[in-house]
Amino acid sequence: MGRLRIKVLEPEPSRAYDLAYDVVFATTGSIDIVEVERVMDPEKIKKFDVETPALVINDKVLKFSGAPPRDEIKKWVAELN
């Protein structure tokens, strides 16, 4: 178990909230500390050069189409932790 920094890249507030909630739910009990940040400013999102929604876990950008299922988020967390 370790520390994770996760950024949720999504300009639409309700979708950003939902994805951040899924991230927190998916990581509960699997790591010691998780820092989740919702990045909703389009200018800040542009710096990552990705389409939204996307996740950044410990500086690794994960692209996907649509919101990923919680099981997929758990898998990414396990791989990158």
PDB file of N, CA and C in Angstrom:
ATOM      1  N   MET A   1       0.841  -1.182   0.000  1.00  0.00           N
ATOM      2  CA  MET A   1       0.000   0.000   0.000  1.00  0.00           C
ATOM      3  C   MET A   1       0.882   1.241   0.000  1.00  0.00           C
ATOM      4  N   GLY A   2       0.431   2.288  -0.701  1.00  0.00           N
ATOM      5  CA  GLY A   2       1.219   3.497  -0.803  1.00  0.00           C
ATOM      6  C   GLY A   2       0.361   4.723  -0.940  1.00  0.00           C
ATOM      7  N   ARG A   3       0.942   5.718  -1.560  1.00  0.00           N
ATOM      8  CA  ARG A   3       0.271   6.997  -1.741  1.00  0.00           C
ATOM      9  C   ARG A   3       0.017   7.211  -3.231  1.00  0.00           C
ATOM     10  N   LEU A   4      -1.180   7.644  -3.570  1.00  0.00           N
ATOM     11  CA  LEU A   4      -1.535   7.927  -4.954  1.00  0.00           C
ATOM     12  C   LEU A   4      -2.015   9.361  -5.097  1.00  0.00           C
ATOM     13  N   ARG A   5      -1.642   9.959  -6.209  1.00  0.00           N
ATOM     14  CA  ARG A   5      -2.170  11.265  -6.598  1.00  0.00           C
ATOM     15  C   ARG A   5      -2.959  11.037  -7.881  1.00  0.00           C
ATOM     16  N   ILE A   6      -4.245  11.319  -7.828  1.00  0.00           N
ATOM     17  CA  ILE A   6      -5.114  11.077  -8.980  1.00  0.00           C
ATOM     18  C   ILE A   6      -5.807  12.376  -9.364  1.00  0.00           C
ATOM     19  N   LYS A   7      -5.702  12.712 -10.649  1.00  0.00           N
ATOM     20  CA  LYS A   7      -6.403  13.876 -11.180  1.00  0.00           C
ATOM     21  C   LYS A   7      -7.499  13.383 -12.111  1.00  0.00           C
ATOM     22  N   VAL A   8      -8.678  13.923 -11.920  1.00  0.00           N
ATOM     23  CA  VAL A   8      -9.813  13.624 -12.782  1.00  0.00           C
ATOM     24  C   VAL A   8      -9.925  14.795 -13.757  1.00  0.00           C
ATOM     25  N   LEU A   9      -9.718  14.534 -15.032  1.00  0.00           N
ATOM     26  CA  LEU A   9      -9.786  15.578 -16.047  1.00  0.00           C
ATOM     27  C   LEU A   9     -11.166  15.533 -16.713  1.00  0.00           C
ATOM     28  N   GLU A  10     -11.989  16.507 -16.388  1.00  0.00           N
ATOM     29  CA  GLU A  10     -13.359  16.561 -16.933  1.00  0.00           C
ATOM     30  C   GLU A  10     -13.910  17.963 -16.696  1.00  0.00           C
ATOM     31  N   PRO A  11     -14.235  18.697 -17.767  1.00  0.00           N
ATOM     32  CA  PRO A  11     -14.716  20.066 -17.582  1.00  0.00           C
ATOM     33  C   PRO A  11     -16.160  20.175 -17.072  1.00  0.00           C
ATOM     34  N   GLU A  12     -16.962  19.158 -17.257  1.00  0.00           N
ATOM     35  CA  GLU A  12     -18.371  19.209 -16.845  1.00  0.00           C
ATOM     36  C   GLU A  12     -18.467  18.829 -15.368  1.00  0.00           C
ATOM     37  N   PRO A  13     -18.906  19.748 -14.490  1.00  0.00           N
ATOM     38  CA  PRO A  13     -18.864  19.521 -13.044  1.00  0.00           C
ATOM     39  C   PRO A  13     -19.520  18.231 -12.553  1.00  0.00           C
ATOM     40  N   SER A  14     -20.724  17.911 -13.016  1.00  0.00           N
ATOM     41  CA  SER A  14     -21.383  16.716 -12.475  1.00  0.00           C
ATOM     42  C   SER A  14     -20.659  15.439 -12.918  1.00  0.00           C
ATOM     43  N   ARG A  15     -20.144  15.411 -14.136  1.00  0.00           N
ATOM     44  CA  ARG A  15     -19.383  14.236 -14.591  1.00  0.00           C
ATOM     45  C   ARG A  15     -18.054  14.137 -13.853  1.00  0.00           C
ATOM     46  N   ALA A  16     -17.415  15.285 -13.589  1.00  0.00           N
ATOM     47  CA  ALA A  16     -16.160  15.283 -12.827  1.00  0.00           C
ATOM     48  C   ALA A  16     -16.405  14.751 -11.417  1.00  0.00           C
ATOM     49  N   TYR A  17     -17.508  15.188 -10.798  1.00  0.00           N
ATOM     50  CA  TYR A  17     -17.849  14.716  -9.459  1.00  0.00           C
ATOM     51  C   TYR A  17     -18.097  13.212  -9.470  1.00  0.00           C
ATOM     52  N   ASP A  18     -18.886  12.741 -10.439  1.00  0.00           N
ATOM     53  CA  ASP A  18     -19.203  11.311 -10.498  1.00  0.00           C
ATOM     54  C   ASP A  18     -17.947  10.458 -10.679  1.00  0.00           C
ATOM     55  N   LEU A  19     -17.051  10.886 -11.559  1.00  0.00           N
ATOM     56  CA  LEU A  19     -15.833  10.120 -11.785  1.00  0.00           C
ATOM     57  C   LEU A  19     -14.927  10.164 -10.557  1.00  0.00           C
ATOM     58  N   ALA A  20     -14.833  11.326  -9.907  1.00  0.00           N
ATOM     59  CA  ALA A  20     -14.039  11.427  -8.682  1.00  0.00           C
ATOM     60  C   ALA A  20     -14.610  10.511  -7.595  1.00  0.00           C
ATOM     61  N   TYR A  21     -15.919  10.448  -7.495  1.00  0.00           N
ATOM     62  CA  TYR A  21     -16.568   9.550  -6.537  1.00  0.00           C
ATOM     63  C   TYR A  21     -16.205   8.097  -6.845  1.00  0.00           C
ATOM     64  N   ASP A  22     -16.262   7.726  -8.119  1.00  0.00           N
ATOM     65  CA  ASP A  22     -15.904   6.362  -8.509  1.00  0.00           C
ATOM     66  C   ASP A  22     -14.450   6.050  -8.172  1.00  0.00           C
ATOM     67  N   VAL A  23     -13.573   7.031  -8.355  1.00  0.00           N
ATOM     68  CA  VAL A  23     -12.150   6.842  -8.016  1.00  0.00           C
ATOM     69  C   VAL A  23     -11.999   6.594  -6.523  1.00  0.00           C
ATOM     70  N   VAL A  24     -12.645   7.413  -5.713  1.00  0.00           N
ATOM     71  CA  VAL A  24     -12.555   7.237  -4.254  1.00  0.00           C
ATOM     72  C   VAL A  24     -13.119   5.875  -3.857  1.00  0.00           C
ATOM     73  N   PHE A  25     -14.262   5.517  -4.392  1.00  0.00           N
ATOM     74  CA  PHE A  25     -14.884   4.222  -4.086  1.00  0.00           C
ATOM     75  C   PHE A  25     -13.963   3.070  -4.499  1.00  0.00           C
ATOM     76  N   ALA A  26     -13.361   3.175  -5.679  1.00  0.00           N
ATOM     77  CA  ALA A  26     -12.505   2.103  -6.195  1.00  0.00           C
ATOM     78  C   ALA A  26     -11.217   1.956  -5.403  1.00  0.00           C
ATOM     79  N   THR A  27     -10.755   3.018  -4.778  1.00  0.00           N
ATOM     80  CA  THR A  27      -9.480   2.949  -4.053  1.00  0.00           C
ATOM     81  C   THR A  27      -9.646   2.707  -2.559  1.00  0.00           C
ATOM     82  N   THR A  28     -10.856   2.771  -2.053  1.00  0.00           N
ATOM     83  CA  THR A  28     -11.091   2.580  -0.626  1.00  0.00           C
ATOM     84  C   THR A  28     -10.584   1.211  -0.173  1.00  0.00           C
ATOM     85  N   GLY A  29      -9.705   1.235   0.823  1.00  0.00           N
ATOM     86  CA  GLY A  29      -9.182   0.001   1.405  1.00  0.00           C
ATOM     87  C   GLY A  29      -8.008  -0.590   0.662  1.00  0.00           C
ATOM     88  N   SER A  30      -7.659  -0.041  -0.501  1.00  0.00           N
ATOM     89  CA  SER A  30      -6.555  -0.637  -1.266  1.00  0.00           C
ATOM     90  C   SER A  30      -5.247   0.121  -1.114  1.00  0.00           C
ATOM     91  N   ILE A  31      -5.307   1.342  -0.622  1.00  0.00           N
ATOM     92  CA  ILE A  31      -4.091   2.130  -0.447  1.00  0.00           C
ATOM     93  C   ILE A  31      -4.183   2.934   0.843  1.00  0.00           C
ATOM     94  N   ASP A  32      -3.036   3.412   1.318  1.00  0.00           N
ATOM     95  CA  ASP A  32      -3.008   4.184   2.552  1.00  0.00           C
ATOM     96  C   ASP A  32      -3.573   5.589   2.364  1.00  0.00           C
ATOM     97  N   ILE A  33      -3.069   6.283   1.346  1.00  0.00           N
ATOM     98  CA  ILE A  33      -3.458   7.675   1.145  1.00  0.00           C
ATOM     99  C   ILE A  33      -3.735   7.900  -0.329  1.00  0.00           C
ATOM    100  N   VAL A  34      -4.844   8.557  -0.610  1.00  0.00           N
ATOM    101  CA  VAL A  34      -5.150   8.928  -1.986  1.00  0.00           C
ATOM    102  C   VAL A  34      -5.542  10.402  -2.004  1.00  0.00           C
ATOM    103  N   GLU A  35      -4.971  11.116  -2.947  1.00  0.00           N
ATOM    104  CA  GLU A  35      -5.297  12.524  -3.150  1.00  0.00           C
ATOM    105  C   GLU A  35      -6.012  12.612  -4.493  1.00  0.00           C
ATOM    106  N   VAL A  36      -7.258  13.035  -4.482  1.00  0.00           N
ATOM    107  CA  VAL A  36      -8.037  13.128  -5.706  1.00  0.00           C
ATOM    108  C   VAL A  36      -8.325  14.598  -5.984  1.00  0.00           C
ATOM    109  N   GLU A  37      -7.964  15.022  -7.179  1.00  0.00           N
ATOM    110  CA  GLU A  37      -8.186  16.404  -7.595  1.00  0.00           C
ATOM    111  C   GLU A  37      -9.049  16.411  -8.854  1.00  0.00           C
ATOM    112  N   ARG A  38     -10.090  17.219  -8.842  1.00  0.00           N
ATOM    113  CA  ARG A  38     -10.907  17.384 -10.050  1.00  0.00           C
ATOM    114  C   ARG A  38     -10.362  18.577 -10.829  1.00  0.00           C
ATOM    115  N   VAL A  39      -9.915  18.335 -12.046  1.00  0.00           N
ATOM    116  CA  VAL A  39      -9.420  19.395 -12.918  1.00  0.00           C
ATOM    117  C   VAL A  39     -10.518  19.670 -13.941  1.00  0.00           C
ATOM    118  N   MET A  40     -11.174  20.828 -13.796  1.00  0.00           N
ATOM    119  CA  MET A  40     -12.302  21.144 -14.663  1.00  0.00           C
ATOM    120  C   MET A  40     -12.019  22.339 -15.579  1.00  0.00           C
ATOM    121  N   ASP A  41     -10.929  23.036 -15.348  1.00  0.00           N
ATOM    122  CA  ASP A  41     -10.559  24.188 -16.167  1.00  0.00           C
ATOM    123  C   ASP A  41     -10.041  23.701 -17.518  1.00  0.00           C
ATOM    124  N   PRO A  42     -10.709  24.056 -18.617  1.00  0.00           N
ATOM    125  CA  PRO A  42     -10.289  23.584 -19.937  1.00  0.00           C
ATOM    126  C   PRO A  42      -8.831  23.922 -20.279  1.00  0.00           C
ATOM    127  N   GLU A  43      -8.354  25.066 -19.819  1.00  0.00           N
ATOM    128  CA  GLU A  43      -6.956  25.437 -20.096  1.00  0.00           C
ATOM    129  C   GLU A  43      -5.978  24.496 -19.387  1.00  0.00           C
ATOM    130  N   LYS A  44      -6.297  24.099 -18.170  1.00  0.00           N
ATOM    131  CA  LYS A  44      -5.433  23.156 -17.439  1.00  0.00           C
ATOM    132  C   LYS A  44      -5.513  21.767 -18.063  1.00  0.00           C
ATOM    133  N   ILE A  45      -6.695  21.390 -18.525  1.00  0.00           N
ATOM    134  CA  ILE A  45      -6.874  20.083 -19.160  1.00  0.00           C
ATOM    135  C   ILE A  45      -6.069  20.011 -20.452  1.00  0.00           C
ATOM    136  N   LYS A  46      -6.022  21.108 -21.213  1.00  0.00           N
ATOM    137  CA  LYS A  46      -5.276  21.153 -22.475  1.00  0.00           C
ATOM    138  C   LYS A  46      -3.804  20.795 -22.289  1.00  0.00           C
ATOM    139  N   LYS A  47      -3.253  21.123 -21.131  1.00  0.00           N
ATOM    140  CA  LYS A  47      -1.837  20.834 -20.856  1.00  0.00           C
ATOM    141  C   LYS A  47      -1.537  19.338 -20.883  1.00  0.00           C
ATOM    142  N   PHE A  48      -2.558  18.516 -20.662  1.00  0.00           N
ATOM    143  CA  PHE A  48      -2.372  17.061 -20.664  1.00  0.00           C
ATOM    144  C   PHE A  48      -2.529  16.456 -22.064  1.00  0.00           C
ATOM    145  N   ASP A  49      -3.019  17.256 -23.008  1.00  0.00           N
ATOM    146  CA  ASP A  49      -3.163  16.833 -24.400  1.00  0.00           C
ATOM    147  C   ASP A  49      -3.988  15.546 -24.518  1.00  0.00           C
ATOM    148  N   VAL A  50      -5.144  15.529 -23.856  1.00  0.00           N
ATOM    149  CA  VAL A  50      -6.053  14.374 -23.925  1.00  0.00           C
ATOM    150  C   VAL A  50      -7.483  14.866 -24.093  1.00  0.00           C
ATOM    151  N   GLU A  51      -8.324  13.979 -24.584  1.00  0.00           N
ATOM    152  CA  GLU A  51      -9.753  14.257 -24.589  1.00  0.00           C
ATOM    153  C   GLU A  51     -10.304  13.808 -23.244  1.00  0.00           C
ATOM    154  N   THR A  52     -11.389  14.434 -22.831  1.00  0.00           N
ATOM    155  CA  THR A  52     -11.974  14.087 -21.546  1.00  0.00           C
ATOM    156  C   THR A  52     -13.143  13.140 -21.734  1.00  0.00           C
ATOM    157  N   PRO A  53     -13.455  12.372 -20.703  1.00  0.00           N
ATOM    158  CA  PRO A  53     -12.795  12.322 -19.408  1.00  0.00           C
ATOM    159  C   PRO A  53     -11.485  11.530 -19.477  1.00  0.00           C
ATOM    160  N   ALA A  54     -10.612  11.829 -18.540  1.00  0.00           N
ATOM    161  CA  ALA A  54      -9.344  11.108 -18.428  1.00  0.00           C
ATOM    162  C   ALA A  54      -8.896  11.149 -16.972  1.00  0.00           C
ATOM    163  N   LEU A  55      -8.028  10.211 -16.624  1.00  0.00           N
ATOM    164  CA  LEU A  55      -7.436  10.188 -15.288  1.00  0.00           C
ATOM    165  C   LEU A  55      -5.935  10.328 -15.416  1.00  0.00           C
ATOM    166  N   VAL A  56      -5.329  10.963 -14.417  1.00  0.00           N
ATOM    167  CA  VAL A  56      -3.879  11.027 -14.298  1.00  0.00           C
ATOM    168  C   VAL A  56      -3.563  10.413 -12.942  1.00  0.00           C
ATOM    169  N   ILE A  57      -2.874   9.272 -12.955  1.00  0.00           N
ATOM    170  CA  ILE A  57      -2.523   8.586 -11.706  1.00  0.00           C
ATOM    171  C   ILE A  57      -1.017   8.649 -11.554  1.00  0.00           C
ATOM    172  N   ASN A  58      -0.574   9.334 -10.492  1.00  0.00           N
ATOM    173  CA  ASN A  58       0.858   9.528 -10.252  1.00  0.00           C
ATOM    174  C   ASN A  58       1.575   9.972 -11.528  1.00  0.00           C
ATOM    175  N   ASP A  59       1.029  10.988 -12.178  1.00  0.00           N
ATOM    176  CA  ASP A  59       1.600  11.617 -13.379  1.00  0.00           C
ATOM    177  C   ASP A  59       1.523  10.770 -14.642  1.00  0.00           C
ATOM    178  N   LYS A  60       0.865   9.617 -14.606  1.00  0.00           N
ATOM    179  CA  LYS A  60       0.663   8.815 -15.807  1.00  0.00           C
ATOM    180  C   LYS A  60      -0.757   9.052 -16.311  1.00  0.00           C
ATOM    181  N   VAL A  61      -0.864   9.531 -17.555  1.00  0.00           N
ATOM    182  CA  VAL A  61      -2.153   9.840 -18.146  1.00  0.00           C
ATOM    183  C   VAL A  61      -2.804   8.565 -18.667  1.00  0.00           C
ATOM    184  N   LEU A  62      -4.039   8.336 -18.257  1.00  0.00           N
ATOM    185  CA  LEU A  62      -4.814   7.190 -18.716  1.00  0.00           C
ATOM    186  C   LEU A  62      -5.990   7.705 -19.526  1.00  0.00           C
ATOM    187  N   LYS A  63      -6.016   7.372 -20.792  1.00  0.00           N
ATOM    188  CA  LYS A  63      -7.090   7.814 -21.676  1.00  0.00           C
ATOM    189  C   LYS A  63      -8.125   6.703 -21.796  1.00  0.00           C
ATOM    190  N   PHE A  64      -9.360   7.095 -21.955  1.00  0.00           N
ATOM    191  CA  PHE A  64     -10.411   6.112 -22.131  1.00  0.00           C
ATOM    192  C   PHE A  64     -11.600   6.784 -22.769  1.00  0.00           C
ATOM    193  N   SER A  65     -12.487   5.992 -23.289  1.00  0.00           N
ATOM    194  CA  SER A  65     -13.695   6.520 -23.909  1.00  0.00           C
ATOM    195  C   SER A  65     -14.846   6.362 -22.920  1.00  0.00           C
ATOM    196  N   GLY A  66     -15.398   7.454 -22.479  1.00  0.00           N
ATOM    197  CA  GLY A  66     -16.455   7.396 -21.480  1.00  0.00           C
ATOM    198  C   GLY A  66     -15.887   7.136 -20.097  1.00  0.00           C
ATOM    199  N   ALA A  67     -16.733   7.056 -19.129  1.00  0.00           N
ATOM    200  CA  ALA A  67     -16.302   6.807 -17.752  1.00  0.00           C
ATOM    201  C   ALA A  67     -15.946   5.338 -17.584  1.00  0.00           C
ATOM    202  N   PRO A  68     -14.781   5.048 -17.013  1.00  0.00           N
ATOM    203  CA  PRO A  68     -14.387   3.651 -16.822  1.00  0.00           C
ATOM    204  C   PRO A  68     -15.144   3.019 -15.661  1.00  0.00           C
ATOM    205  N   PRO A  69     -15.400   1.722 -15.738  1.00  0.00           N
ATOM    206  CA  PRO A  69     -16.031   1.052 -14.595  1.00  0.00           C
ATOM    207  C   PRO A  69     -15.077   1.030 -13.403  1.00  0.00           C
ATOM    208  N   ARG A  70     -15.640   0.928 -12.216  1.00  0.00           N
ATOM    209  CA  ARG A  70     -14.814   0.924 -10.998  1.00  0.00           C
ATOM    210  C   ARG A  70     -13.789  -0.196 -11.000  1.00  0.00           C
ATOM    211  N   ASP A  71     -14.135  -1.346 -11.557  1.00  0.00           N
ATOM    212  CA  ASP A  71     -13.178  -2.461 -11.608  1.00  0.00           C
ATOM    213  C   ASP A  71     -11.944  -2.090 -12.426  1.00  0.00           C
ATOM    214  N   GLU A  72     -12.160  -1.341 -13.495  1.00  0.00           N
ATOM    215  CA  GLU A  72     -11.033  -0.894 -14.324  1.00  0.00           C
ATOM    216  C   GLU A  72     -10.162   0.094 -13.551  1.00  0.00           C
ATOM    217  N   ILE A  73     -10.795   0.996 -12.804  1.00  0.00           N
ATOM    218  CA  ILE A  73     -10.043   1.949 -11.975  1.00  0.00           C
ATOM    219  C   ILE A  73      -9.224   1.190 -10.936  1.00  0.00           C
ATOM    220  N   LYS A  74      -9.822   0.181 -10.289  1.00  0.00           N
ATOM    221  CA  LYS A  74      -9.088  -0.643  -9.305  1.00  0.00           C
ATOM    222  C   LYS A  74      -7.866  -1.289  -9.938  1.00  0.00           C
ATOM    223  N   LYS A  75      -8.027  -1.798 -11.161  1.00  0.00           N
ATOM    224  CA  LYS A  75      -6.926  -2.444 -11.864  1.00  0.00           C
ATOM    225  C   LYS A  75      -5.798  -1.448 -12.115  1.00  0.00           C
ATOM    226  N   TRP A  76      -6.139  -0.247 -12.578  1.00  0.00           N
ATOM    227  CA  TRP A  76      -5.115   0.769 -12.824  1.00  0.00           C
ATOM    228  C   TRP A  76      -4.401   1.158 -11.537  1.00  0.00           C
ATOM    229  N   VAL A  77      -5.162   1.313 -10.478  1.00  0.00           N
ATOM    230  CA  VAL A  77      -4.567   1.682  -9.183  1.00  0.00           C
ATOM    231  C   VAL A  77      -3.591   0.610  -8.727  1.00  0.00           C
ATOM    232  N   ALA A  78      -3.967  -0.659  -8.856  1.00  0.00           N
ATOM    233  CA  ALA A  78      -3.090  -1.747  -8.454  1.00  0.00           C
ATOM    234  C   ALA A  78      -1.805  -1.758  -9.286  1.00  0.00           C
ATOM    235  N   GLU A  79      -1.926  -1.500 -10.571  1.00  0.00           N
ATOM    236  CA  GLU A  79      -0.758  -1.503 -11.455  1.00  0.00           C
ATOM    237  C   GLU A  79       0.185  -0.338 -11.182  1.00  0.00           C
ATOM    238  N   LEU A  80      -0.366   0.812 -10.813  1.00  0.00           N
ATOM    239  CA  LEU A  80       0.436   2.027 -10.669  1.00  0.00           C
ATOM    240  C   LEU A  80       0.800   2.352  -9.231  1.00  0.00           C
ATOM    241  N   ASN A  81       0.360   1.559  -8.297  1.00  0.00           N
ATOM    242  CA  ASN A  81       0.636   1.830  -6.888  1.00  0.00           C
ATOM    243  C   ASN A  81       1.941   1.187  -6.482  1.00  0.00           C
TER     244      ASN A  81
END
